[in-house]
Each structure stands twice: as structure tokens, then as C-alpha cells.
Protein backbone atom coordinates (compact mmCIF):
# COMPACT_ATOMS: atom_id res chain seq x y z
CA UNK A 1 19.69 -54.79 0.44
CA UNK A 2 20.31 -52.55 -2.59
CA UNK A 3 20.09 -49.46 -0.39
CA UNK A 4 22.86 -50.73 1.87
CA UNK A 5 25.04 -51.58 -1.13
CA UNK A 6 24.49 -48.11 -2.61
CA UNK A 7 25.28 -46.50 0.76
CA UNK A 8 28.52 -48.44 1.06
CA UNK A 9 29.46 -47.57 -2.53
CA UNK A 10 28.86 -43.82 -1.96
CA UNK A 11 30.43 -43.31 1.44
CA UNK A 12 31.22 -39.64 0.89
CA UNK A 13 27.58 -38.83 0.10
CA UNK A 14 26.45 -40.69 3.22
CA UNK A 15 28.96 -38.81 5.41
CA UNK A 16 27.75 -35.46 4.01
CA UNK A 17 24.11 -36.41 4.67
CA UNK A 18 24.95 -37.57 8.21
CA UNK A 19 26.88 -34.37 8.99
CA UNK A 20 24.10 -32.17 7.63
CA UNK A 21 21.57 -34.03 9.83
CA UNK A 22 23.82 -33.53 12.87
CA UNK A 23 24.17 -29.79 12.13
CA UNK A 24 20.41 -29.47 11.64
CA UNK A 25 19.78 -31.30 14.94
CA UNK A 26 22.21 -29.10 16.88
CA UNK A 27 20.69 -25.97 15.38
CA UNK A 28 17.16 -27.11 16.25
CA UNK A 29 18.28 -27.95 19.80
CA UNK A 30 19.69 -24.44 20.26
CA UNK A 31 16.35 -22.89 19.24
CA UNK A 32 14.33 -25.17 21.53
CA UNK A 33 13.03 -23.42 24.64
CA UNK A 34 13.24 -25.69 27.64
CA UNK A 35 12.05 -24.84 31.14
CA UNK A 36 12.82 -26.87 34.21
CA UNK A 37 9.22 -26.43 35.32
CA UNK A 38 7.06 -25.42 32.34
CA UNK A 39 3.90 -23.44 33.05
CA UNK A 40 0.99 -25.60 31.89
CA UNK A 41 -1.78 -23.77 33.75
CA UNK A 42 -4.53 -22.03 31.91
CA UNK A 43 -5.26 -18.31 32.17
CA UNK A 44 -7.41 -17.84 35.28
CA UNK A 45 -8.73 -14.89 37.22
CA UNK A 46 -10.35 -15.46 40.60
CA UNK A 47 -12.75 -13.11 42.31
CA UNK A 48 -12.88 -13.68 46.06
CA UNK A 49 -15.65 -11.85 47.88
CA UNK A 50 -16.04 -11.74 51.64
CA UNK A 51 -19.32 -11.05 53.45
CA UNK A 52 -18.72 -11.92 57.11
CA UNK A 53 -21.62 -13.54 58.92
CA UNK A 54 -23.63 -14.37 55.80
CA UNK A 55 -24.89 -17.86 55.00
CA UNK A 56 -23.85 -19.62 51.75
CA UNK A 57 -27.40 -19.17 50.40
CA UNK A 58 -27.28 -15.40 50.96
CA UNK A 59 -23.79 -15.25 49.47
CA UNK A 60 -24.97 -17.09 46.36
CA UNK A 61 -28.17 -15.10 45.89
CA UNK A 62 -26.92 -11.58 46.57
CA UNK A 63 -23.23 -11.72 45.59
CA UNK A 64 -22.26 -14.73 43.46
CA UNK A 65 -25.18 -14.71 41.01
CA UNK A 66 -24.99 -10.94 40.25
CA UNK A 67 -21.21 -11.23 39.76
CA UNK A 68 -21.60 -14.26 37.48
CA UNK A 69 -24.21 -12.42 35.42
CA UNK A 70 -21.88 -9.41 35.15
CA UNK A 71 -18.98 -11.62 34.00
CA UNK A 72 -21.06 -13.46 31.39
CA UNK A 73 -20.03 -12.54 27.86
CA UNK A 74 -16.43 -11.57 28.58
CA UNK A 75 -14.25 -11.98 25.48
CA UNK A 76 -12.27 -15.25 25.39
CA UNK A 77 -14.04 -16.61 28.50
CA UNK A 78 -14.24 -20.40 28.28
CA UNK A 79 -15.39 -21.45 31.75
CA UNK A 80 -16.83 -19.96 34.92
CA UNK A 81 -16.89 -21.81 38.25
CA UNK A 82 -18.07 -20.62 41.63
CA UNK A 83 -17.79 -21.80 45.21
CA UNK A 84 -19.87 -20.46 48.10
CA UNK A 85 -18.95 -20.93 51.73
CA UNK A 86 -20.15 -19.23 54.83
CA UNK A 87 -19.05 -15.60 54.44
CA UNK A 88 -17.01 -16.30 51.27
CA UNK A 89 -17.65 -16.45 47.53
CA UNK A 90 -14.98 -17.50 45.03
CA UNK A 91 -15.59 -17.20 41.29
CA UNK A 92 -12.98 -18.66 38.95
CA UNK A 93 -12.94 -17.37 35.38
CA UNK A 94 -10.96 -19.42 32.85
CA UNK A 95 -9.88 -17.76 29.60
CA UNK A 96 -8.38 -19.14 26.39
CA UNK A 97 -4.64 -19.81 26.39
CA UNK A 98 -4.00 -16.99 23.90
CA UNK A 99 -5.46 -14.39 26.27
CA UNK A 100 -2.99 -12.15 28.07
CA UNK A 101 -3.50 -12.53 31.82
CA UNK A 102 -3.24 -8.77 32.42
CA UNK A 103 -5.87 -8.12 29.73
CA UNK A 104 -8.16 -10.67 31.39
CA UNK A 105 -7.65 -9.03 34.79
CA UNK A 106 -8.44 -5.62 33.28
CA UNK A 107 -11.68 -6.93 31.76
CA UNK A 108 -12.74 -8.46 35.07
CA UNK A 109 -11.86 -5.29 36.99
CA UNK A 110 -13.97 -3.18 34.62
CA UNK A 111 -16.95 -5.48 35.09
CA UNK A 112 -16.44 -5.44 38.87
CA UNK A 113 -16.50 -1.66 38.88
CA UNK A 114 -19.79 -1.72 36.94
CA UNK A 115 -21.53 -4.18 39.26
CA UNK A 116 -20.05 -2.86 42.52
CA UNK A 117 -22.65 -0.17 43.27
CA UNK A 118 -25.47 -2.74 42.94
CA UNK A 119 -23.92 -4.89 45.67
CA UNK A 120 -23.64 -2.16 48.32
CA UNK A 121 -26.49 -3.46 50.47
CA UNK A 122 -24.10 -6.02 51.97
CA UNK A 123 -20.87 -5.30 53.74
CA UNK A 124 -18.38 -7.13 51.49
CA UNK A 125 -14.85 -6.81 50.18
CA UNK A 126 -13.92 -8.03 46.68
CA UNK A 127 -10.41 -8.94 45.70
CA UNK A 128 -8.95 -10.28 42.46
CA UNK A 129 -6.38 -13.06 42.57
CA UNK A 130 -4.55 -14.92 39.86
């Protein structure tokens, strides 16, 4: 009750405080970045490898596992998932949110170039997707 009485007694001070809060709010609103559809996805790089006519077991043994071993230990890698279908292997690499997606792609490409010659006994095509 005393606070309300003091506020009514010092109207000028209350108006100055209210105006300063409004100015601060408008200024903060101007600095706020707002997207209509914010990007909440994590940084991912996918390696899709095709080996036509091969069974999922062959894909896993001769393509997916060597690629997963080659990708192990990448900086800022948080998760690695793989999916094997008939003639297709998809490996999804998830990186930390601070990682630049182009840096992550470059790291994966370098590792792919290293492991590529070891996988030449199968006819396959590797592609990188985001």
C-alpha cells in the first residue's frame, strides 16, 4: 500500500521510469532477430552410397562399416547413424551446432577421399548430401 502511495505522490518519477522502460523495450525489439520459419535443424552431413544389385548385408560389411570407421573421430561429431537397404547405404553424421556446415562437409570429403581406394572392389557411387 505504501508503494502505491509513493508512486502517486511522485508521478513525474513514475512517468520517467515508464518511458525509459518503453524506450528500452522498443530498442530491444529492434535488435531481436525474428524469422518466419527459424532453422532449428542440427548440422548434418549425409553420405549416400549406391551399389546396385548388392544385398543389405554386403552393403553393411563392405561399404557402411569401412565408411563408419573412417568417419570415427571427426572433430565435433556427436552422432553417427546408418541405414542399409538393398543397393543403398546412407550414413548420417550429426555435428555440434557451433560447427560450420561447409567445414563439416570438407572434413567428410577428406575422409571419403582417404577411404575411397579401399572400396574399389565394388562398383559404387558415393555422394554427399546435406
